[in-house]
């Protein structure tokens, strides 16, 4: 009479699982390279997004400063207003 604690005979599932594990062991270097490649791409993408965000912030600050300067020029009267607007128009953006 077999013991109830005895391990069952290998079934097709356990055989299949052993084959999968064996194939995974053969593909491990490819998996490691793939994971490293994905990590490198994520780091590069993060750097690009960070630089883009910084650039947009600088552009926004420059436009805000220009709008404020234009507002101050429009408050002036007479030739000072004309000179101020002319100076703003000739500035390199």
PDB file of N, CA and C in Angstrom:
ATOM      1  N   UNK A   1       0.844  -1.172   0.000  1.00  0.00           N
ATOM      2  CA  UNK A   1       0.000   0.000   0.000  1.00  0.00           C
ATOM      3  C   UNK A   1       0.897   1.246   0.000  1.00  0.00           C
ATOM      4  N   UNK A   2       0.711   2.125  -0.996  1.00  0.00           N
ATOM      5  CA  UNK A   2       1.563   3.308  -1.078  1.00  0.00           C
ATOM      6  C   UNK A   2       1.220   4.310   0.018  1.00  0.00           C
ATOM      7  N   UNK A   3       2.233   5.005   0.443  1.00  0.00           N
ATOM      8  CA  UNK A   3       2.058   6.034   1.458  1.00  0.00           C
ATOM      9  C   UNK A   3       1.388   7.254   0.840  1.00  0.00           C
ATOM     10  N   UNK A   4       0.584   7.947   1.628  1.00  0.00           N
ATOM     11  CA  UNK A   4      -0.100   9.137   1.128  1.00  0.00           C
ATOM     12  C   UNK A   4       0.870  10.306   0.954  1.00  0.00           C
ATOM     13  N   UNK A   5       2.034  10.215   1.567  1.00  0.00           N
ATOM     14  CA  UNK A   5       3.023  11.286   1.464  1.00  0.00           C
ATOM     15  C   UNK A   5       3.971  11.096   0.298  1.00  0.00           C
ATOM     16  N   UNK A   6       3.818  10.035  -0.453  1.00  0.00           N
ATOM     17  CA  UNK A   6       4.703   9.775  -1.577  1.00  0.00           C
ATOM     18  C   UNK A   6       4.472  10.805  -2.677  1.00  0.00           C
ATOM     19  N   UNK A   7       5.549  11.175  -3.374  1.00  0.00           N
ATOM     20  CA  UNK A   7       5.442  12.134  -4.468  1.00  0.00           C
ATOM     21  C   UNK A   7       4.811  11.471  -5.680  1.00  0.00           C
ATOM     22  N   UNK A   8       3.985  12.185  -6.404  1.00  0.00           N
ATOM     23  CA  UNK A   8       3.360  11.590  -7.588  1.00  0.00           C
ATOM     24  C   UNK A   8       4.391  11.402  -8.696  1.00  0.00           C
ATOM     25  N   UNK A   9       4.077  10.504  -9.587  1.00  0.00           N
ATOM     26  CA  UNK A   9       4.950  10.272 -10.737  1.00  0.00           C
ATOM     27  C   UNK A   9       4.944  11.516 -11.619  1.00  0.00           C
ATOM     28  N   UNK A  10       6.045  11.777 -12.337  1.00  0.00           N
ATOM     29  CA  UNK A  10       6.083  12.971 -13.199  1.00  0.00           C
ATOM     30  C   UNK A  10       4.963  12.924 -14.234  1.00  0.00           C
ATOM     31  N   UNK A  11       4.250  14.000 -14.333  1.00  0.00           N
ATOM     32  CA  UNK A  11       3.183  14.107 -15.322  1.00  0.00           C
ATOM     33  C   UNK A  11       3.674  14.982 -16.470  1.00  0.00           C
ATOM     34  N   UNK A  12       2.844  15.134 -17.444  1.00  0.00           N
ATOM     35  CA  UNK A  12       3.244  15.942 -18.587  1.00  0.00           C
ATOM     36  C   UNK A  12       3.495  17.389 -18.167  1.00  0.00           C
ATOM     37  N   UNK A  13       2.820  17.840 -17.111  1.00  0.00           N
ATOM     38  CA  UNK A  13       3.010  19.226 -16.654  1.00  0.00           C
ATOM     39  C   UNK A  13       4.409  19.393 -16.063  1.00  0.00           C
ATOM     40  N   UNK A  14       4.823  18.466 -15.230  1.00  0.00           N
ATOM     41  CA  UNK A  14       6.152  18.597 -14.629  1.00  0.00           C
ATOM     42  C   UNK A  14       7.241  18.433 -15.678  1.00  0.00           C
ATOM     43  N   UNK A  15       7.028  17.540 -16.646  1.00  0.00           N
ATOM     44  CA  UNK A  15       8.010  17.374 -17.721  1.00  0.00           C
ATOM     45  C   UNK A  15       8.094  18.651 -18.547  1.00  0.00           C
ATOM     46  N   UNK A  16       6.938  19.204 -18.868  1.00  0.00           N
ATOM     47  CA  UNK A  16       6.907  20.450 -19.641  1.00  0.00           C
ATOM     48  C   UNK A  16       7.592  21.571 -18.861  1.00  0.00           C
ATOM     49  N   UNK A  17       7.329  21.650 -17.545  1.00  0.00           N
ATOM     50  CA  UNK A  17       7.935  22.692 -16.730  1.00  0.00           C
ATOM     51  C   UNK A  17       9.455  22.544 -16.683  1.00  0.00           C
ATOM     52  N   UNK A  18       9.941  21.322 -16.641  1.00  0.00           N
ATOM     53  CA  UNK A  18      11.386  21.093 -16.658  1.00  0.00           C
ATOM     54  C   UNK A  18      11.990  21.549 -17.985  1.00  0.00           C
ATOM     55  N   UNK A  19      11.283  21.313 -19.069  1.00  0.00           N
ATOM     56  CA  UNK A  19      11.767  21.768 -20.382  1.00  0.00           C
ATOM     57  C   UNK A  19      11.803  23.294 -20.438  1.00  0.00           C
ATOM     58  N   UNK A  20      10.794  23.915 -19.910  1.00  0.00           N
ATOM     59  CA  UNK A  20      10.742  25.387 -19.899  1.00  0.00           C
ATOM     60  C   UNK A  20      11.895  25.942 -19.076  1.00  0.00           C
ATOM     61  N   UNK A  21      12.157  25.356 -17.915  1.00  0.00           N
ATOM     62  CA  UNK A  21      13.259  25.822 -17.077  1.00  0.00           C
ATOM     63  C   UNK A  21      14.603  25.621 -17.769  1.00  0.00           C
ATOM     64  N   UNK A  22      14.757  24.513 -18.472  1.00  0.00           N
ATOM     65  CA  UNK A  22      15.999  24.251 -19.185  1.00  0.00           C
ATOM     66  C   UNK A  22      16.188  25.289 -20.302  1.00  0.00           C
ATOM     67  N   UNK A  23      15.128  25.579 -21.046  1.00  0.00           N
ATOM     68  CA  UNK A  23      15.221  26.572 -22.119  1.00  0.00           C
ATOM     69  C   UNK A  23      15.474  27.966 -21.550  1.00  0.00           C
ATOM     70  N   UNK A  24      14.884  28.248 -20.401  1.00  0.00           N
ATOM     71  CA  UNK A  24      15.114  29.562 -19.773  1.00  0.00           C
ATOM     72  C   UNK A  24      16.570  29.694 -19.361  1.00  0.00           C
ATOM     73  N   UNK A  25      17.166  28.622 -18.902  1.00  0.00           N
ATOM     74  CA  UNK A  25      18.582  28.658 -18.536  1.00  0.00           C
ATOM     75  C   UNK A  25      19.457  28.927 -19.744  1.00  0.00           C
ATOM     76  N   UNK A  26      19.065  28.412 -20.897  1.00  0.00           N
ATOM     77  CA  UNK A  26      19.832  28.654 -22.118  1.00  0.00           C
ATOM     78  C   UNK A  26      19.656  30.087 -22.604  1.00  0.00           C
ATOM     79  N   UNK A  27      18.527  30.672 -22.304  1.00  0.00           N
ATOM     80  CA  UNK A  27      18.237  32.032 -22.791  1.00  0.00           C
ATOM     81  C   UNK A  27      18.588  33.106 -21.766  1.00  0.00           C
ATOM     82  N   UNK A  28      19.130  32.735 -20.650  1.00  0.00           N
ATOM     83  CA  UNK A  28      19.417  33.699 -19.584  1.00  0.00           C
ATOM     84  C   UNK A  28      20.313  34.854 -20.041  1.00  0.00           C
ATOM     85  N   UNK A  29      21.408  34.607 -20.782  1.00  0.00           N
ATOM     86  CA  UNK A  29      22.231  35.749 -21.224  1.00  0.00           C
ATOM     87  C   UNK A  29      21.445  36.730 -22.098  1.00  0.00           C
ATOM     88  N   UNK A  30      20.581  36.194 -22.944  1.00  0.00           N
ATOM     89  CA  UNK A  30      19.760  37.068 -23.785  1.00  0.00           C
ATOM     90  C   UNK A  30      18.796  37.878 -22.931  1.00  0.00           C
ATOM     91  N   UNK A  31      18.236  37.251 -21.922  1.00  0.00           N
ATOM     92  CA  UNK A  31      17.324  37.959 -21.023  1.00  0.00           C
ATOM     93  C   UNK A  31      18.050  39.065 -20.266  1.00  0.00           C
ATOM     94  N   UNK A  32      19.239  38.785 -19.789  1.00  0.00           N
ATOM     95  CA  UNK A  32      20.018  39.792 -19.059  1.00  0.00           C
ATOM     96  C   UNK A  32      20.346  40.964 -19.974  1.00  0.00           C
ATOM     97  N   UNK A  33      20.764  40.680 -21.190  1.00  0.00           N
ATOM     98  CA  UNK A  33      21.067  41.759 -22.138  1.00  0.00           C
ATOM     99  C   UNK A  33      19.823  42.573 -22.467  1.00  0.00           C
ATOM    100  N   UNK A  34      18.704  41.908 -22.599  1.00  0.00           N
ATOM    101  CA  UNK A  34      17.457  42.614 -22.895  1.00  0.00           C
ATOM    102  C   UNK A  34      17.069  43.542 -21.749  1.00  0.00           C
ATOM    103  N   UNK A  35      17.164  43.039 -20.537  1.00  0.00           N
ATOM    104  CA  UNK A  35      16.817  43.866 -19.368  1.00  0.00           C
ATOM    105  C   UNK A  35      17.768  45.057 -19.262  1.00  0.00           C
ATOM    106  N   UNK A  36      19.061  44.833 -19.464  1.00  0.00           N
ATOM    107  CA  UNK A  36      20.023  45.942 -19.426  1.00  0.00           C
ATOM    108  C   UNK A  36      19.734  46.964 -20.520  1.00  0.00           C
ATOM    109  N   UNK A  37      19.387  46.477 -21.702  1.00  0.00           N
ATOM    110  CA  UNK A  37      19.055  47.392 -22.802  1.00  0.00           C
ATOM    111  C   UNK A  37      17.848  48.249 -22.474  1.00  0.00           C
ATOM    112  N   UNK A  38      16.826  47.643 -21.891  1.00  0.00           N
ATOM    113  CA  UNK A  38      15.626  48.400 -21.516  1.00  0.00           C
ATOM    114  C   UNK A  38      15.966  49.437 -20.447  1.00  0.00           C
ATOM    115  N   UNK A  39      16.787  49.056 -19.470  1.00  0.00           N
ATOM    116  CA  UNK A  39      17.176  50.011 -18.428  1.00  0.00           C
ATOM    117  C   UNK A  39      17.958  51.186 -19.005  1.00  0.00           C
ATOM    118  N   UNK A  40      18.861  50.902 -19.936  1.00  0.00           N
ATOM    119  CA  UNK A  40      19.627  51.987 -20.577  1.00  0.00           C
ATOM    120  C   UNK A  40      18.683  52.917 -21.334  1.00  0.00           C
ATOM    121  N   UNK A  41      17.730  52.346 -22.069  1.00  0.00           N
ATOM    122  CA  UNK A  41      16.780  53.182 -22.796  1.00  0.00           C
ATOM    123  C   UNK A  41      15.948  54.038 -21.850  1.00  0.00           C
ATOM    124  N   UNK A  42      15.553  53.489 -20.711  1.00  0.00           N
ATOM    125  CA  UNK A  42      14.784  54.275 -19.743  1.00  0.00           C
ATOM    126  C   UNK A  42      15.608  55.421 -19.163  1.00  0.00           C
ATOM    127  N   UNK A  43      16.868  55.174 -18.875  1.00  0.00           N
ATOM    128  CA  UNK A  43      17.733  56.236 -18.342  1.00  0.00           C
ATOM    129  C   UNK A  43      17.926  57.338 -19.384  1.00  0.00           C
ATOM    130  N   UNK A  44      18.165  56.949 -20.621  1.00  0.00           N
ATOM    131  CA  UNK A  44      18.338  57.940 -21.696  1.00  0.00           C
ATOM    132  C   UNK A  44      17.056  58.736 -21.890  1.00  0.00           C
ATOM    133  N   UNK A  45      15.919  58.057 -21.902  1.00  0.00           N
ATOM    134  CA  UNK A  45      14.637  58.744 -22.063  1.00  0.00           C
ATOM    135  C   UNK A  45      14.400  59.718 -20.916  1.00  0.00           C
ATOM    136  N   UNK A  46      14.744  59.314 -19.696  1.00  0.00           N
ATOM    137  CA  UNK A  46      14.591  60.210 -18.554  1.00  0.00           C
ATOM    138  C   UNK A  46      15.448  61.454 -18.684  1.00  0.00           C
ATOM    139  N   UNK A  47      16.672  61.293 -19.199  1.00  0.00           N
ATOM    140  CA  UNK A  47      17.542  62.453 -19.415  1.00  0.00           C
ATOM    141  C   UNK A  47      16.982  63.401 -20.457  1.00  0.00           C
ATOM    142  N   UNK A  48      16.421  62.839 -21.511  1.00  0.00           N
ATOM    143  CA  UNK A  48      15.832  63.678 -22.566  1.00  0.00           C
ATOM    144  C   UNK A  48      14.640  64.448 -22.023  1.00  0.00           C
ATOM    145  N   UNK A  49      13.801  63.784 -21.261  1.00  0.00           N
ATOM    146  CA  UNK A  49      12.632  64.459 -20.688  1.00  0.00           C
ATOM    147  C   UNK A  49      13.067  65.550 -19.716  1.00  0.00           C
ATOM    148  N   UNK A  50      14.095  65.270 -18.899  1.00  0.00           N
ATOM    149  CA  UNK A  50      14.576  66.267 -17.941  1.00  0.00           C
ATOM    150  C   UNK A  50      15.107  67.506 -18.664  1.00  0.00           C
ATOM    151  N   UNK A  51      15.914  67.289 -19.719  1.00  0.00           N
ATOM    152  CA  UNK A  51      16.448  68.443 -20.464  1.00  0.00           C
ATOM    153  C   UNK A  51      15.327  69.220 -21.149  1.00  0.00           C
ATOM    154  N   UNK A  52      14.351  68.524 -21.667  1.00  0.00           N
ATOM    155  CA  UNK A  52      13.217  69.205 -22.301  1.00  0.00           C
ATOM    156  C   UNK A  52      12.429  70.034 -21.308  1.00  0.00           C
ATOM    157  N   UNK A  53      12.244  69.503 -20.116  1.00  0.00           N
ATOM    158  CA  UNK A  53      11.518  70.232 -19.075  1.00  0.00           C
ATOM    159  C   UNK A  53      12.290  71.474 -18.646  1.00  0.00           C
ATOM    160  N   UNK A  54      13.601  71.337 -18.472  1.00  0.00           N
ATOM    161  CA  UNK A  54      14.416  72.499 -18.105  1.00  0.00           C
ATOM    162  C   UNK A  54      14.376  73.557 -19.201  1.00  0.00           C
ATOM    163  N   UNK A  55      14.460  73.125 -20.445  1.00  0.00           N
ATOM    164  CA  UNK A  55      14.430  74.058 -21.571  1.00  0.00           C
ATOM    165  C   UNK A  55      13.090  74.797 -21.631  1.00  0.00           C
ATOM    166  N   UNK A  56      12.008  74.066 -21.409  1.00  0.00           N
ATOM    167  CA  UNK A  56      10.693  74.704 -21.426  1.00  0.00           C
ATOM    168  C   UNK A  56      10.566  75.712 -20.281  1.00  0.00           C
ATOM    169  N   UNK A  57      11.127  75.389 -19.119  1.00  0.00           N
ATOM    170  CA  UNK A  57      11.088  76.314 -17.989  1.00  0.00           C
ATOM    171  C   UNK A  57      11.859  77.594 -18.281  1.00  0.00           C
ATOM    172  N   UNK A  58      13.036  77.445 -18.891  1.00  0.00           N
ATOM    173  CA  UNK A  58      13.826  78.630 -19.254  1.00  0.00           C
ATOM    174  C   UNK A  58      13.110  79.486 -20.297  1.00  0.00           C
ATOM    175  N   UNK A  59      12.497  78.809 -21.277  1.00  0.00           N
ATOM    176  CA  UNK A  59      11.764  79.543 -22.317  1.00  0.00           C
ATOM    177  C   UNK A  59      10.578  80.285 -21.706  1.00  0.00           C
ATOM    178  N   UNK A  60       9.890  79.644 -20.767  1.00  0.00           N
ATOM    179  CA  UNK A  60       8.755  80.276 -20.103  1.00  0.00           C
ATOM    180  C   UNK A  60       9.202  81.496 -19.297  1.00  0.00           C
ATOM    181  N   UNK A  61      10.317  81.369 -18.582  1.00  0.00           N
ATOM    182  CA  UNK A  61      10.836  82.488 -17.787  1.00  0.00           C
ATOM    183  C   UNK A  61      11.238  83.650 -18.691  1.00  0.00           C
ATOM    184  N   UNK A  62      11.857  83.349 -19.834  1.00  0.00           N
ATOM    185  CA  UNK A  62      12.270  84.407 -20.764  1.00  0.00           C
ATOM    186  C   UNK A  62      11.055  85.129 -21.342  1.00  0.00           C
ATOM    187  N   UNK A  63      10.031  84.378 -21.694  1.00  0.00           N
ATOM    188  CA  UNK A  63       8.816  85.007 -22.240  1.00  0.00           C
ATOM    189  C   UNK A  63       8.119  85.856 -21.179  1.00  0.00           C
ATOM    190  N   UNK A  64       8.124  85.389 -19.936  1.00  0.00           N
ATOM    191  CA  UNK A  64       7.508  86.170 -18.855  1.00  0.00           C
ATOM    192  C   UNK A  64       8.279  87.464 -18.618  1.00  0.00           C
ATOM    193  N   UNK A  65       9.607  87.393 -18.658  1.00  0.00           N
ATOM    194  CA  UNK A  65      10.416  88.602 -18.473  1.00  0.00           C
ATOM    195  C   UNK A  65      10.190  89.574 -19.623  1.00  0.00           C
ATOM    196  N   UNK A  66      10.084  89.058 -20.827  1.00  0.00           N
ATOM    197  CA  UNK A  66       9.829  89.921 -21.983  1.00  0.00           C
ATOM    198  C   UNK A  66       8.452  90.581 -21.896  1.00  0.00           C
ATOM    199  N   UNK A  67       7.453  89.820 -21.475  1.00  0.00           N
ATOM    200  CA  UNK A  67       6.104  90.386 -21.340  1.00  0.00           C
ATOM    201  C   UNK A  67       6.078  91.470 -20.272  1.00  0.00           C
ATOM    202  N   UNK A  68       6.813  91.252 -19.193  1.00  0.00           N
ATOM    203  CA  UNK A  68       6.878  92.254 -18.125  1.00  0.00           C
ATOM    204  C   UNK A  68       7.598  93.519 -18.621  1.00  0.00           C
ATOM    205  N   UNK A  69       8.666  93.355 -19.375  1.00  0.00           N
ATOM    206  CA  UNK A  69       9.387  94.506 -19.917  1.00  0.00           C
ATOM    207  C   UNK A  69       8.509  95.274 -20.904  1.00  0.00           C
ATOM    208  N   UNK A  70       7.763  94.565 -21.713  1.00  0.00           N
ATOM    209  CA  UNK A  70       6.856  95.210 -22.669  1.00  0.00           C
ATOM    210  C   UNK A  70       5.785  95.999 -21.925  1.00  0.00           C
ATOM    211  N   UNK A  71       5.269  95.427 -20.852  1.00  0.00           N
ATOM    212  CA  UNK A  71       4.257  96.115 -20.052  1.00  0.00           C
ATOM    213  C   UNK A  71       4.833  97.403 -19.454  1.00  0.00           C
ATOM    214  N   UNK A  72       6.087  97.331 -18.959  1.00  0.00           N
ATOM    215  CA  UNK A  72       6.717  98.540 -18.409  1.00  0.00           C
ATOM    216  C   UNK A  72       6.929  99.582 -19.489  1.00  0.00           C
ATOM    217  N   UNK A  73       7.312  99.156 -20.699  1.00  0.00           N
ATOM    218  CA  UNK A  73       7.525 100.110 -21.795  1.00  0.00           C
ATOM    219  C   UNK A  73       6.227 100.814 -22.172  1.00  0.00           C
ATOM    220  N   UNK A  74       5.132 100.066 -22.144  1.00  0.00           N
ATOM    221  CA  UNK A  74       3.849 100.664 -22.541  1.00  0.00           C
ATOM    222  C   UNK A  74       3.344 101.662 -21.505  1.00  0.00           C
ATOM    223  N   UNK A  75       3.848 101.586 -20.288  1.00  0.00           N
ATOM    224  CA  UNK A  75       3.451 102.549 -19.266  1.00  0.00           C
ATOM    225  C   UNK A  75       4.167 103.892 -19.436  1.00  0.00           C
ATOM    226  N   UNK A  76       5.295 103.884 -20.149  1.00  0.00           N
ATOM    227  CA  UNK A  76       6.053 105.119 -20.346  1.00  0.00           C
ATOM    228  C   UNK A  76       5.331 106.022 -21.340  1.00  0.00           C
ATOM    229  N   UNK A  77       5.691 107.290 -21.306  1.00  0.00           N
ATOM    230  CA  UNK A  77       5.092 108.288 -22.213  1.00  0.00           C
ATOM    231  C   UNK A  77       6.181 108.950 -23.043  1.00  0.00           C
ATOM    232  N   UNK A  78       5.791 109.435 -24.203  1.00  0.00           N
ATOM    233  CA  UNK A  78       6.678 110.220 -25.050  1.00  0.00           C
ATOM    234  C   UNK A  78       7.801 109.416 -25.682  1.00  0.00           C
ATOM    235  N   UNK A  79       8.961 110.061 -25.869  1.00  0.00           N
ATOM    236  CA  UNK A  79      10.071 109.405 -26.571  1.00  0.00           C
ATOM    237  C   UNK A  79      10.644 108.223 -25.790  1.00  0.00           C
ATOM    238  N   UNK A  80      10.519 108.238 -24.461  1.00  0.00           N
ATOM    239  CA  UNK A  80      11.049 107.125 -23.673  1.00  0.00           C
ATOM    240  C   UNK A  80      10.315 105.824 -24.016  1.00  0.00           C
ATOM    241  N   UNK A  81       9.008 105.950 -24.277  1.00  0.00           N
ATOM    242  CA  UNK A  81       8.224 104.763 -24.649  1.00  0.00           C
ATOM    243  C   UNK A  81       8.705 104.218 -25.981  1.00  0.00           C
ATOM    244  N   UNK A  82       8.904 105.112 -26.937  1.00  0.00           N
ATOM    245  CA  UNK A  82       9.351 104.689 -28.266  1.00  0.00           C
ATOM    246  C   UNK A  82      10.731 104.027 -28.186  1.00  0.00           C
ATOM    247  N   UNK A  83      11.638 104.615 -27.435  1.00  0.00           N
ATOM    248  CA  UNK A  83      12.994 104.051 -27.295  1.00  0.00           C
ATOM    249  C   UNK A  83      12.960 102.694 -26.598  1.00  0.00           C
ATOM    250  N   UNK A  84      12.117 102.569 -25.597  1.00  0.00           N
ATOM    251  CA  UNK A  84      12.014 101.303 -24.858  1.00  0.00           C
ATOM    252  C   UNK A  84      11.463 100.196 -25.770  1.00  0.00           C
ATOM    253  N   UNK A  85      10.404 100.521 -26.524  1.00  0.00           N
ATOM    254  CA  UNK A  85       9.825  99.532 -27.441  1.00  0.00           C
ATOM    255  C   UNK A  85      10.804  99.176 -28.554  1.00  0.00           C
ATOM    256  N   UNK A  86      11.557 100.155 -29.039  1.00  0.00           N
ATOM    257  CA  UNK A  86      12.557  99.901 -30.072  1.00  0.00           C
ATOM    258  C   UNK A  86      13.670  98.996 -29.524  1.00  0.00           C
ATOM    259  N   UNK A  87      14.077  99.230 -28.288  1.00  0.00           N
ATOM    260  CA  UNK A  87      15.106  98.394 -27.678  1.00  0.00           C
ATOM    261  C   UNK A  87      14.604  96.941 -27.513  1.00  0.00           C
ATOM    262  N   UNK A  88      13.353  96.798 -27.139  1.00  0.00           N
ATOM    263  CA  UNK A  88      12.787  95.440 -27.010  1.00  0.00           C
ATOM    264  C   UNK A  88      12.692  94.747 -28.377  1.00  0.00           C
ATOM    265  N   UNK A  89      12.346  95.514 -29.395  1.00  0.00           N
ATOM    266  CA  UNK A  89      12.202  94.939 -30.736  1.00  0.00           C
ATOM    267  C   UNK A  89      13.539  94.484 -31.302  1.00  0.00           C
ATOM    268  N   UNK A  90      14.625  95.148 -30.913  1.00  0.00           N
ATOM    269  CA  UNK A  90      15.934  94.797 -31.471  1.00  0.00           C
ATOM    270  C   UNK A  90      16.659  93.734 -30.660  1.00  0.00           C
ATOM    271  N   UNK A  91      16.115  93.349 -29.523  1.00  0.00           N
ATOM    272  CA  UNK A  91      16.759  92.313 -28.707  1.00  0.00           C
ATOM    273  C   UNK A  91      16.647  90.952 -29.410  1.00  0.00           C
ATOM    274  N   UNK A  92      17.698  90.175 -29.249  1.00  0.00           N
ATOM    275  CA  UNK A  92      17.706  88.830 -29.806  1.00  0.00           C
ATOM    276  C   UNK A  92      16.938  87.932 -28.852  1.00  0.00           C
ATOM    277  N   UNK A  93      16.040  87.132 -29.418  1.00  0.00           N
ATOM    278  CA  UNK A  93      15.248  86.219 -28.581  1.00  0.00           C
ATOM    279  C   UNK A  93      15.955  84.925 -28.390  1.00  0.00           C
TER     280      UNK A  93
END
